[in-house]
Protein backbone atom coordinates (compact mmCIF):
# COMPACT_ATOMS: atom_id res chain seq x y z
CA MET A 1 214.42 191.80 148.32
CA LYS A 2 212.47 189.12 147.25
CA THR A 3 212.36 187.55 150.79
CA THR A 4 211.18 191.12 152.17
CA ILE A 5 208.42 191.47 149.83
CA SER A 6 207.26 187.64 150.50
CA MET A 7 207.35 188.09 154.11
CA PHE A 8 205.36 191.43 153.87
CA VAL A 9 202.94 189.87 151.02
CA LEU A 10 201.82 187.69 153.87
CA LEU A 11 201.28 190.10 156.28
CA ALA A 12 199.65 192.58 154.00
CA ALA A 13 197.35 190.28 152.74
CA ALA A 14 196.22 189.27 156.50
CA THR A 15 196.09 192.77 157.83
CA VAL A 16 195.19 195.27 155.35
CA SER A 17 191.67 195.95 153.92
CA GLN A 18 191.57 197.73 150.92
CA VAL A 19 189.12 201.07 150.08
CA SER A 20 188.15 202.62 147.31
CA VAL A 21 190.19 206.01 148.25
CA ALA A 22 193.68 206.77 148.35
CA ALA A 23 193.05 207.44 152.20
CA PRO A 24 195.93 205.27 154.36
CA VAL A 25 194.28 201.68 155.33
CA GLY A 26 194.90 199.55 158.39
CA ASP A 27 195.52 200.53 162.11
CA CYS A 28 197.36 204.23 161.51
CA ALA A 29 196.70 205.25 165.22
CA GLY A 30 199.63 206.86 166.51
CA THR A 31 201.27 207.46 163.04
CA PRO A 32 203.18 210.72 163.30
CA PRO A 33 202.09 214.05 161.67
CA GLU A 34 205.66 214.04 159.33
CA ALA A 35 204.61 210.73 157.92
CA VAL A 36 203.26 210.68 153.99
CA VAL A 37 199.91 209.53 153.98
CA GLU A 38 198.91 211.10 150.78
CA LEU A 39 200.47 209.83 147.62
CA PRO A 40 201.21 212.42 144.49
CA PRO A 41 199.73 212.14 140.99
CA PRO A 42 199.82 209.59 139.07
CA LEU A 43 200.75 207.48 141.94
CA ASN A 44 197.59 208.29 143.85
CA LEU A 45 195.67 206.94 140.93
CA TRP A 46 197.19 203.17 141.41
CA GLY A 47 198.51 203.06 145.01
CA GLN A 48 197.87 204.19 148.74
CA ILE A 49 199.63 203.63 151.92
CA ALA A 50 198.99 200.93 154.18
CA CYS A 51 199.71 200.76 157.92
CA THR A 52 201.01 197.30 159.12
CA PRO A 53 202.61 195.88 162.01
CA TYR A 54 205.63 195.95 160.10
CA GLY A 55 205.57 199.70 159.10
CA HIS A 56 203.84 201.55 156.36
CA ILE A 57 203.97 200.05 152.78
CA LEU A 58 203.13 201.65 149.50
CA THR A 59 200.80 199.15 147.89
CA ASN A 60 197.95 198.84 145.12
CA LYS A 61 194.82 200.98 145.85
CA GLU A 62 191.45 198.88 145.67
CA GLY A 63 190.64 198.11 141.94
CA TRP A 64 194.36 198.03 140.87
CA VAL A 65 196.82 194.82 141.21
CA TRP A 66 200.46 195.33 141.50
CA SER A 67 201.99 192.15 140.59
CA ASN A 68 205.11 190.37 139.33
CA PRO A 69 204.59 188.91 135.88
CA GLY A 70 204.65 185.37 135.61
CA SER A 71 204.29 184.70 139.54
CA TYR A 72 201.61 187.02 139.80
CA SER A 73 202.62 187.56 143.45
CA PRO A 74 201.88 190.83 144.94
CA VAL A 75 204.35 193.73 144.90
CA PHE A 76 204.39 196.51 147.37
CA VAL A 77 207.35 199.05 148.91
CA PRO A 78 207.93 198.50 152.52
CA SER A 79 208.87 201.69 154.47
CA GLN A 80 210.97 199.49 156.77
CA MET A 81 213.39 198.98 153.52
CA VAL A 82 215.43 195.88 155.16
CA ARG A 83 215.95 192.77 153.10
CA ASP A 84 214.72 190.36 155.81
CA LYS A 85 213.74 189.91 159.01
CA PRO A 86 211.64 192.89 159.38
CA GLU A 87 210.74 194.21 162.85
CA GLU A 88 207.03 194.69 164.30
CA VAL A 89 207.43 198.29 164.73
CA GLY A 90 204.05 199.38 163.87
CA ASN A 91 203.74 203.05 162.62
CA LYS A 92 207.24 203.90 163.85
CA SER A 93 208.33 203.00 160.57
CA TYR A 94 206.75 205.06 157.63
CA PHE A 95 208.01 207.15 154.68
CA LYS A 96 208.99 211.15 155.25
CA SER A 97 208.92 211.68 151.53
CA ILE A 98 207.46 210.28 148.57
CA ALA A 99 207.90 212.22 145.15
CA MET A 100 206.69 211.28 141.54
CA VAL A 101 208.90 213.02 138.99
CA LYS A 102 207.82 213.22 135.25
CA VAL A 103 211.03 211.93 133.35
CA SER A 104 212.37 212.21 129.85
CA GLY A 105 215.59 212.43 127.88
CA ALA A 106 218.58 210.17 128.77
CA GLU A 107 217.07 209.37 132.23
CA PHE A 108 213.68 207.92 130.67
CA GLU A 109 215.84 206.15 128.00
CA SER A 110 218.07 204.66 130.55
CA ALA A 111 215.45 203.29 132.55
CA TYR A 112 213.00 202.47 129.89
CA SER A 113 215.79 200.23 128.09
CA ALA A 114 216.21 198.27 131.38
CA PHE A 115 212.53 197.86 131.77
CA HIS A 116 211.69 197.02 128.20
CA THR A 117 214.87 194.24 128.21
CA GLY A 118 213.13 191.15 126.46
CA LEU A 119 209.78 192.44 125.86
CA ASP A 120 207.74 192.90 122.56
CA LYS A 121 208.20 196.57 121.17
CA ASP A 122 205.55 198.73 122.17
CA GLU A 123 203.22 200.07 120.04
CA ALA A 124 203.19 203.59 122.06
CA ILE A 125 205.96 204.82 124.18
CA PRO A 126 204.32 205.34 128.04
CA VAL A 127 204.94 208.45 130.11
CA GLY A 128 207.68 207.81 132.42
CA TYR A 129 208.10 208.93 136.11
CA ARG A 130 210.60 208.22 138.67
CA LEU A 131 209.47 207.62 142.41
CA ASP A 132 211.77 208.94 145.16
CA ALA A 133 211.00 207.82 148.37
CA THR A 134 212.93 208.04 151.79
CA SER A 135 211.78 206.53 155.09
CA VAL A 136 212.03 207.45 158.77
CA SER A 137 215.45 205.59 159.04
CA GLY A 138 217.05 207.78 156.34
CA LYS A 139 217.14 204.84 153.97
CA SER A 140 215.76 205.71 150.37
CA LEU A 141 214.88 204.04 147.27
CA LYS A 142 214.27 204.82 143.51
CA LEU A 143 211.58 203.12 141.23
CA TYR A 144 210.64 203.89 137.95
CA PHE A 145 206.89 203.54 136.38
CA PHE A 146 205.80 203.84 132.97
CA ASP A 147 202.16 204.90 132.48
CA TYR A 148 200.36 203.34 129.34
CA GLY A 149 196.83 204.63 130.59
CA SER A 150 194.67 202.00 131.99
CA SER A 151 197.65 200.10 132.92
CA ALA A 152 201.17 200.69 134.17
CA TRP A 153 204.83 199.10 134.87
CA GLY A 154 207.42 199.75 137.39
CA ILE A 155 211.07 198.65 138.01
CA TRP A 156 213.16 198.90 140.93
CA CYS A 157 216.19 200.55 140.54
CA ARG A 158 219.41 200.81 142.87
CA GLU A 159 222.50 201.86 141.02
CA ILE A 160 221.01 200.42 137.94
CA CYS A 161 217.55 199.09 137.01
CA ALA A 162 217.39 195.30 137.09
CA PRO A 163 214.76 194.03 134.27
CA ASP A 164 214.10 191.18 136.62
CA SER A 165 212.61 193.46 139.20
CA ARG A 166 209.66 194.84 137.03
CA PHE A 167 206.29 194.56 137.98
CA MET A 168 202.62 195.28 136.32
CA LEU A 169 200.07 197.67 137.82
CA LEU A 170 196.93 196.70 136.34
CA ASN A 171 193.44 198.37 136.54
CA MET A 172 191.17 195.18 137.00
CA ALA A 173 188.14 197.83 135.43
CA GLN A 174 189.64 198.34 132.35
CA ARG A 175 191.46 196.47 129.73
CA PRO A 176 194.78 197.33 129.23
CA ASN A 177 195.30 199.93 126.11
CA LYS A 178 196.94 198.30 123.12
CA ALA A 179 197.89 201.44 121.62
CA PHE A 180 197.98 204.14 124.29
CA ASN A 181 197.60 207.77 122.73
CA PRO A 182 199.61 210.12 125.29
CA THR A 183 197.98 213.01 123.41
CA ALA A 184 194.55 212.09 124.17
CA SER A 185 192.11 214.17 125.72
CA PRO A 186 192.18 213.78 129.87
CA SER A 187 188.72 212.13 129.53
CA ALA A 188 190.06 209.29 127.50
CA SER A 189 192.64 208.07 129.79
CA PRO A 190 192.88 207.77 133.65
CA ARG A 191 196.22 209.28 133.79
CA VAL A 192 197.45 212.50 134.95
CA ASN A 193 200.18 214.54 133.16
């Protein structure tokens, strides 16, 4: 996974110019009509689809940074879903479905526990979401996002969630919330319930 991410990082940085709306970016000419190009909330606040020579990727929206903690290397989700040697398939690789589901109970606790391994205790519990994405290839993946208001975290999950796969989503226009209040008025936070 890290090899794939590294390869896509270089490509994405070279070929994608970010814009302030969540519309797809890059050369999307020839994208099939069944391709997902609009993201569901709250993912559309943090991310967007980018069209690259190696297929569509889910990446940060302008003003946001998706990064691995410590290495500060960019994070994105490729539709090609290969571990290495992605092919130059252009817009023939895309997402057929992307869904964000608010999670609670045992599902939230399981993912949040894995995500939180080795971290200091949170002052506030975030809102949890599961991302289910399926590529035109039929491959699918699952990630969890933890929304703290002006920042969020994500974690990749296959059969289990691996703590070393967590990543930060930082809004560069705001300082991260120290104590996020999920019951605050919508105007106090950019998040969507």
